[in-house]
C-alpha atoms as a PDB file:
ATOM      1  CA  MET A   1     -16.023  11.441  -0.355  1.00  0.00           C
ATOM      2  CA  PRO A   2     -12.442   9.895  -0.784  1.00  0.00           C
ATOM      3  CA  ARG A   3     -11.741   6.423  -0.639  1.00  0.00           C
ATOM      4  CA  LEU A   4      -9.466   4.525   1.681  1.00  0.00           C
ATOM      5  CA  ILE A   5      -7.469   1.671  -0.232  1.00  0.00           C
ATOM      6  CA  TYR A   6      -5.565  -1.227   0.590  1.00  0.00           C
ATOM      7  CA  SER A   7      -3.015  -2.100  -2.276  1.00  0.00           C
ATOM      8  CA  ALA A   8      -0.470  -5.246  -2.109  1.00  0.00           C
ATOM      9  CA  MET A   9       1.609  -6.827  -4.615  1.00  0.00           C
ATOM     10  CA  ALA A  10       1.194 -10.233  -4.011  1.00  0.00           C
ATOM     11  CA  SER A  11       2.213 -13.695  -5.225  1.00  0.00           C
ATOM     12  CA  LEU A  12       0.135 -15.633  -7.131  1.00  0.00           C
ATOM     13  CA  ASP A  13      -0.912 -17.973  -3.862  1.00  0.00           C
ATOM     14  CA  GLY A  14      -1.610 -14.891  -1.720  1.00  0.00           C
ATOM     15  CA  TYR A  15       1.938 -13.471   0.047  1.00  0.00           C
ATOM     16  CA  ILE A  16       3.487 -10.038   0.049  1.00  0.00           C
ATOM     17  CA  GLU A  17       6.365 -11.837   1.118  1.00  0.00           C
ATOM     18  CA  ASP A  18       8.034 -15.026   1.078  1.00  0.00           C
ATOM     19  CA  ALA A  19       8.910 -17.230   4.266  1.00  0.00           C
ATOM     20  CA  GLN A  20      12.337 -15.942   4.143  1.00  0.00           C
ATOM     21  CA  GLY A  21      10.442 -12.540   4.568  1.00  0.00           C
ATOM     22  CA  SER A  22      11.216 -11.464   1.046  1.00  0.00           C
ATOM     23  CA  PHE A  23       9.571  -9.502  -1.450  1.00  0.00           C
ATOM     24  CA  ALA A  24      11.950  -8.792  -4.100  1.00  0.00           C
ATOM     25  CA  TRP A  25      10.087 -11.262  -6.662  1.00  0.00           C
ATOM     26  CA  ALA A  26       7.782  -8.909  -6.557  1.00  0.00           C
ATOM     27  CA  GLU A  27      10.284  -5.404  -8.090  1.00  0.00           C
ATOM     28  CA  PRO A  28       7.848  -3.649 -10.745  1.00  0.00           C
ATOM     29  CA  ASP A  29       9.402  -3.586 -14.036  1.00  0.00           C
ATOM     30  CA  GLU A  30       8.855  -0.276 -15.825  1.00  0.00           C
ATOM     31  CA  GLU A  31       4.952  -0.617 -17.181  1.00  0.00           C
ATOM     32  CA  VAL A  32       3.771  -1.730 -13.267  1.00  0.00           C
ATOM     33  CA  HIS A  33       5.686   1.027 -11.790  1.00  0.00           C
ATOM     34  CA  ARG A  34       3.839   3.541 -13.958  1.00  0.00           C
ATOM     35  CA  PHE A  35       0.738   2.152 -13.557  1.00  0.00           C
ATOM     36  CA  VAL A  36       1.360   2.061  -9.765  1.00  0.00           C
ATOM     37  CA  ASN A  37       2.718   5.905 -10.064  1.00  0.00           C
ATOM     38  CA  ASP A  38      -0.856   7.032 -11.608  1.00  0.00           C
ATOM     39  CA  LEU A  39      -2.562   5.242  -8.560  1.00  0.00           C
ATOM     40  CA  GLU A  40      -0.785   6.804  -6.400  1.00  0.00           C
ATOM     41  CA  ARG A  41      -1.248  10.198  -7.475  1.00  0.00           C
ATOM     42  CA  GLY A  42      -4.655  10.375  -6.206  1.00  0.00           C
ATOM     43  CA  VAL A  43      -3.596   9.393  -2.888  1.00  0.00           C
ATOM     44  CA  GLY A  44      -3.293  12.295   0.000  1.00  0.00           C
ATOM     45  CA  THR A  45      -2.604  11.004   2.929  1.00  0.00           C
ATOM     46  CA  HIS A  46      -0.561   7.054   3.711  1.00  0.00           C
ATOM     47  CA  LEU A  47      -1.985   5.232   6.241  1.00  0.00           C
ATOM     48  CA  LEU A  48       0.933   2.671   7.822  1.00  0.00           C
ATOM     49  CA  GLY A  49       2.161   0.602  10.469  1.00  0.00           C
ATOM     50  CA  ARG A  50       5.601   0.667  11.316  1.00  0.00           C
ATOM     51  CA  ARG A  51       7.498  -1.900   9.500  1.00  0.00           C
ATOM     52  CA  MET A  52       5.729  -0.730   5.856  1.00  0.00           C
ATOM     53  CA  TYR A  53       6.983   2.492   6.673  1.00  0.00           C
ATOM     54  CA  GLU A  54      10.236   1.356   7.129  1.00  0.00           C
ATOM     55  CA  THR A  55      10.326  -0.255   4.383  1.00  0.00           C
ATOM     56  CA  LEU A  56       8.923   2.901   2.383  1.00  0.00           C
ATOM     57  CA  VAL A  57      10.887   5.861   3.711  1.00  0.00           C
ATOM     58  CA  TYR A  58      13.550   4.746   1.422  1.00  0.00           C
ATOM     59  CA  TRP A  59      11.607   7.135  -1.067  1.00  0.00           C
ATOM     60  CA  GLU A  60      12.756   9.998   1.741  1.00  0.00           C
ATOM     61  CA  ARG A  61      15.962  10.155   0.209  1.00  0.00           C
ATOM     62  CA  PRO A  62      16.448   7.485  -2.051  1.00  0.00           C
ATOM     63  CA  PRO A  63      20.421   7.162  -2.811  1.00  0.00           C
ATOM     64  CA  GLY A  64      21.504   8.575  -6.309  1.00  0.00           C
ATOM     65  CA  LEU A  65      17.841   9.068  -7.349  1.00  0.00           C
ATOM     66  CA  ASP A  66      19.276  11.993 -10.262  1.00  0.00           C
ATOM     67  CA  ASP A  67      20.557   8.547 -11.957  1.00  0.00           C
ATOM     68  CA  GLN A  68      17.212   6.793 -12.138  1.00  0.00           C
ATOM     69  CA  PRO A  69      14.817   6.560 -14.910  1.00  0.00           C
ATOM     70  CA  ALA A  70      12.048   9.258 -14.467  1.00  0.00           C
ATOM     71  CA  PHE A  71       9.447   6.768 -13.730  1.00  0.00           C
ATOM     72  CA  VAL A  72      11.098   6.015 -10.430  1.00  0.00           C
ATOM     73  CA  GLN A  73      11.979   9.848  -9.578  1.00  0.00           C
ATOM     74  CA  ASP A  74       8.690  10.534 -10.266  1.00  0.00           C
ATOM     75  CA  PHE A  75       7.457   7.724  -7.824  1.00  0.00           C
ATOM     76  CA  ALA A  76       9.700   9.603  -4.908  1.00  0.00           C
ATOM     77  CA  ARG A  77       8.269  13.012  -5.679  1.00  0.00           C
ATOM     78  CA  ILE A  78       4.367  11.151  -4.975  1.00  0.00           C
ATOM     79  CA  TRP A  79       5.421   9.893  -2.350  1.00  0.00           C
ATOM     80  CA  GLN A  80       7.520  12.972  -0.551  1.00  0.00           C
ATOM     81  CA  SER A  81       4.120  14.965  -1.481  1.00  0.00           C
ATOM     82  CA  ALA A  82       2.147  12.846   0.486  1.00  0.00           C
ATOM     83  CA  ASP A  83       1.032  13.062   4.406  1.00  0.00           C
ATOM     84  CA  LYS A  84       1.659   9.732   6.399  1.00  0.00           C
ATOM     85  CA  VAL A  85       0.864   8.609   9.560  1.00  0.00           C
ATOM     86  CA  VAL A  86       2.651   6.181  11.547  1.00  0.00           C
ATOM     87  CA  TYR A  87       0.731   2.965  13.370  1.00  0.00           C
ATOM     88  CA  SER A  88       3.486   2.116  16.327  1.00  0.00           C
ATOM     89  CA  ARG A  89       4.108   1.926  19.790  1.00  0.00           C
ATOM     90  CA  THR A  90       7.806   1.720  19.644  1.00  0.00           C
ATOM     91  CA  LEU A  91       8.999   4.392  16.875  1.00  0.00           C
ATOM     92  CA  GLN A  92      10.143   7.495  18.357  1.00  0.00           C
ATOM     93  CA  ALA A  93      10.333  10.151  15.615  1.00  0.00           C
ATOM     94  CA  PRO A  94       9.178  10.058  11.639  1.00  0.00           C
ATOM     95  CA  GLU A  95      12.406   9.613   9.259  1.00  0.00           C
ATOM     96  CA  SER A  96      10.282  11.808   6.796  1.00  0.00           C
ATOM     97  CA  ALA A  97       8.653  14.970   6.238  1.00  0.00           C
ATOM     98  CA  ARG A  98       4.931  15.436   6.024  1.00  0.00           C
ATOM     99  CA  THR A  99       4.753  12.202   9.139  1.00  0.00           C
ATOM    100  CA  ARG A 100       3.020  11.801  12.267  1.00  0.00           C
ATOM    101  CA  ILE A 101       3.056   9.164  14.601  1.00  0.00           C
ATOM    102  CA  GLU A 102      -0.063   7.438  16.010  1.00  0.00           C
ATOM    103  CA  ARG A 103       0.299   4.987  18.892  1.00  0.00           C
ATOM    104  CA  GLU A 104      -3.142   3.255  18.297  1.00  0.00           C
ATOM    105  CA  PHE A 105      -5.246   2.707  15.113  1.00  0.00           C
ATOM    106  CA  ASP A 106      -8.127   4.257  15.780  1.00  0.00           C
ATOM    107  CA  PRO A 107     -11.449   3.084  13.367  1.00  0.00           C
ATOM    108  CA  ALA A 108     -13.196   6.365  14.600  1.00  0.00           C
ATOM    109  CA  ALA A 109     -10.675   8.762  14.004  1.00  0.00           C
ATOM    110  CA  VAL A 110      -9.868   6.607  10.533  1.00  0.00           C
ATOM    111  CA  ARG A 111     -13.511   7.294   9.419  1.00  0.00           C
ATOM    112  CA  THR A 112     -13.293  11.145  10.630  1.00  0.00           C
ATOM    113  CA  LEU A 113     -10.073  11.302   8.458  1.00  0.00           C
ATOM    114  CA  LYS A 114     -11.388  10.039   5.518  1.00  0.00           C
ATOM    115  CA  GLU A 115     -14.576  12.524   6.078  1.00  0.00           C
ATOM    116  CA  GLN A 116     -12.144  15.482   6.012  1.00  0.00           C
ATOM    117  CA  ALA A 117     -10.062  14.721   3.408  1.00  0.00           C
ATOM    118  CA  ASP A 118     -10.078  15.895   0.145  1.00  0.00           C
ATOM    119  CA  ARG A 119      -8.229  13.061  -1.687  1.00  0.00           C
ATOM    120  CA  ASP A 120      -8.378   9.312  -1.078  1.00  0.00           C
ATOM    121  CA  LEU A 121      -5.988   7.920   1.689  1.00  0.00           C
ATOM    122  CA  ALA A 122      -4.131   4.173   1.137  1.00  0.00           C
ATOM    123  CA  ILE A 123      -3.788   1.559   4.011  1.00  0.00           C
ATOM    124  CA  GLY A 124      -0.218   0.001   3.726  1.00  0.00           C
ATOM    125  CA  GLY A 125       0.790  -3.687   5.277  1.00  0.00           C
ATOM    126  CA  PRO A 126      -1.359  -6.637   6.092  1.00  0.00           C
ATOM    127  CA  GLU A 127      -1.740  -6.586   9.472  1.00  0.00           C
ATOM    128  CA  LEU A 128      -2.653  -2.978   9.928  1.00  0.00           C
ATOM    129  CA  ALA A 129      -5.181  -3.136   6.793  1.00  0.00           C
ATOM    130  CA  ALA A 130      -6.976  -5.983   8.653  1.00  0.00           C
ATOM    131  CA  VAL A 131      -8.101  -4.240  11.298  1.00  0.00           C
ATOM    132  CA  ALA A 132      -9.176  -1.533   8.777  1.00  0.00           C
ATOM    133  CA  PHE A 133     -11.042  -4.959   6.692  1.00  0.00           C
ATOM    134  CA  ALA A 134     -12.516  -5.673  10.193  1.00  0.00           C
ATOM    135  CA  ASN A 135     -13.527  -2.201  11.475  1.00  0.00           C
ATOM    136  CA  GLY A 136     -15.359  -1.828   7.701  1.00  0.00           C
ATOM    137  CA  LEU A 137     -13.163   0.910   6.295  1.00  0.00           C
ATOM    138  CA  VAL A 138     -11.192  -0.559   3.584  1.00  0.00           C
ATOM    139  CA  ASP A 139     -13.656   0.908   0.288  1.00  0.00           C
ATOM    140  CA  ASP A 140     -11.282  -0.508  -3.119  1.00  0.00           C
ATOM    141  CA  LEU A 141      -8.496  -3.275  -2.914  1.00  0.00           C
ATOM    142  CA  TYR A 142      -5.711  -3.165  -5.350  1.00  0.00           C
ATOM    143  CA  ILE A 143      -4.303  -6.591  -6.201  1.00  0.00           C
ATOM    144  CA  PHE A 144      -1.154  -6.616  -8.014  1.00  0.00           C
ATOM    145  CA  MET A 145      -0.609 -10.747  -8.886  1.00  0.00           C
ATOM    146  CA  ALA A 146       3.084 -11.463  -9.636  1.00  0.00           C
ATOM    147  CA  PRO A 147       3.666 -14.149 -11.645  1.00  0.00           C
ATOM    148  CA  VAL A 148       4.771 -16.660  -8.909  1.00  0.00           C
ATOM    149  CA  VAL A 149       4.064 -19.104  -6.150  1.00  0.00           C
ATOM    150  CA  VAL A 150       6.101 -18.497  -2.948  1.00  0.00           C
ATOM    151  CA  GLY A 151       4.708 -21.197  -1.060  1.00  0.00           C
ATOM    152  CA  GLY A 152       4.251 -19.366   2.286  1.00  0.00           C
ATOM    153  CA  GLY A 153       5.080 -16.230   3.816  1.00  0.00           C
ATOM    154  CA  LYS A 154       2.872 -13.092   5.312  1.00  0.00           C
ATOM    155  CA  ARG A 155      -0.271 -12.802   3.440  1.00  0.00           C
ATOM    156  CA  ALA A 156      -1.796 -10.326   1.393  1.00  0.00           C
ATOM    157  CA  LEU A 157      -4.848 -10.673   3.007  1.00  0.00           C
ATOM    158  CA  PRO A 158      -6.479 -11.321   6.264  1.00  0.00           C
ATOM    159  CA  ASP A 159      -7.637 -14.221   7.482  1.00  0.00           C
ATOM    160  CA  GLY A 160     -10.938 -14.958  10.029  1.00  0.00           C
ATOM    161  CA  VAL A 161     -13.117 -11.925   8.055  1.00  0.00           C
ATOM    162  CA  ARG A 162     -15.153 -12.127   5.270  1.00  0.00           C
ATOM    163  CA  ILE A 163     -15.162  -9.565   2.809  1.00  0.00           C
ATOM    164  CA  ASP A 164     -17.592  -9.259  -0.155  1.00  0.00           C
ATOM    165  CA  LEU A 165     -15.956  -7.852  -3.445  1.00  0.00           C
ATOM    166  CA  GLU A 166     -17.105  -6.545  -6.824  1.00  0.00           C
ATOM    167  CA  LEU A 167     -14.595  -6.482  -9.780  1.00  0.00           C
ATOM    168  CA  VAL A 168     -14.511  -3.132 -11.400  1.00  0.00           C
ATOM    169  CA  ASP A 169     -11.039  -2.868 -12.823  1.00  0.00           C
ATOM    170  CA  GLN A 170      -8.301  -5.487 -14.427  1.00  0.00           C
ATOM    171  CA  ARG A 171      -5.452  -4.809 -16.499  1.00  0.00           C
ATOM    172  CA  ARG A 172      -2.568  -7.510 -17.611  1.00  0.00           C
ATOM    173  CA  PHE A 173       1.019  -6.485 -18.475  1.00  0.00           C
ATOM    174  CA  ARG A 174       3.666  -7.726 -20.369  1.00  0.00           C
ATOM    175  CA  ASN A 175       5.754  -9.174 -17.439  1.00  0.00           C
ATOM    176  CA  GLY A 176       2.971 -11.569 -16.357  1.00  0.00           C
ATOM    177  CA  THR A 177       1.544  -9.075 -13.157  1.00  0.00           C
ATOM    178  CA  VAL A 178      -2.078  -8.966 -13.376  1.00  0.00           C
ATOM    179  CA  PHE A 179      -4.016  -5.808 -11.852  1.00  0.00           C
ATOM    180  CA  LEU A 180      -7.011  -6.323 -10.310  1.00  0.00           C
ATOM    181  CA  ARG A 181      -9.196  -3.977  -8.670  1.00  0.00           C
ATOM    182  CA  TYR A 182     -12.184  -5.104  -6.227  1.00  0.00           C
ATOM    183  CA  ARG A 183     -14.885  -2.287  -4.244  1.00  0.00           C
ATOM    184  CA  THR A 184     -15.742  -4.053  -1.080  1.00  0.00           C
ATOM    185  CA  GLY A 185     -19.636  -4.687  -0.573  1.00  0.00           C
END
């Protein structure tokens, strides 16, 4: 059965954005970007909260894409080819193809989506992921630890949820980023 994967780029102290809301420190270099592209190729559907969707919808029509390196163009194509489910009470219409809006995150509907999928699903955004973790829906956790301590901000992993993990893969990149892949227990 396809897996539900939560993937995040985090600071060493566990934040996806700093206290000012910036995540520029997590921008992947070419080596990390190519690795992310390879992971994303297996994803058929992205489950996204509104804020994460508003960040990622950039990849629907990035300006100057033809002038970007091949690995950036590749990521845009990968993102555009995947289905997206956006959970939002306020978003009126999607700004991307292959996208539908759901007003509520329904764990039973996500279980059914997983059962019917022929490719992996990815969940984006820590708040939405926290609900998925709390309902036992997340199968794999991909964490890219950036070599920076930001001292506060938005946490990558949920508070108040115990998650037993098994380390199944790891990789160190030249820029100091470390990839850790865990399977939930």
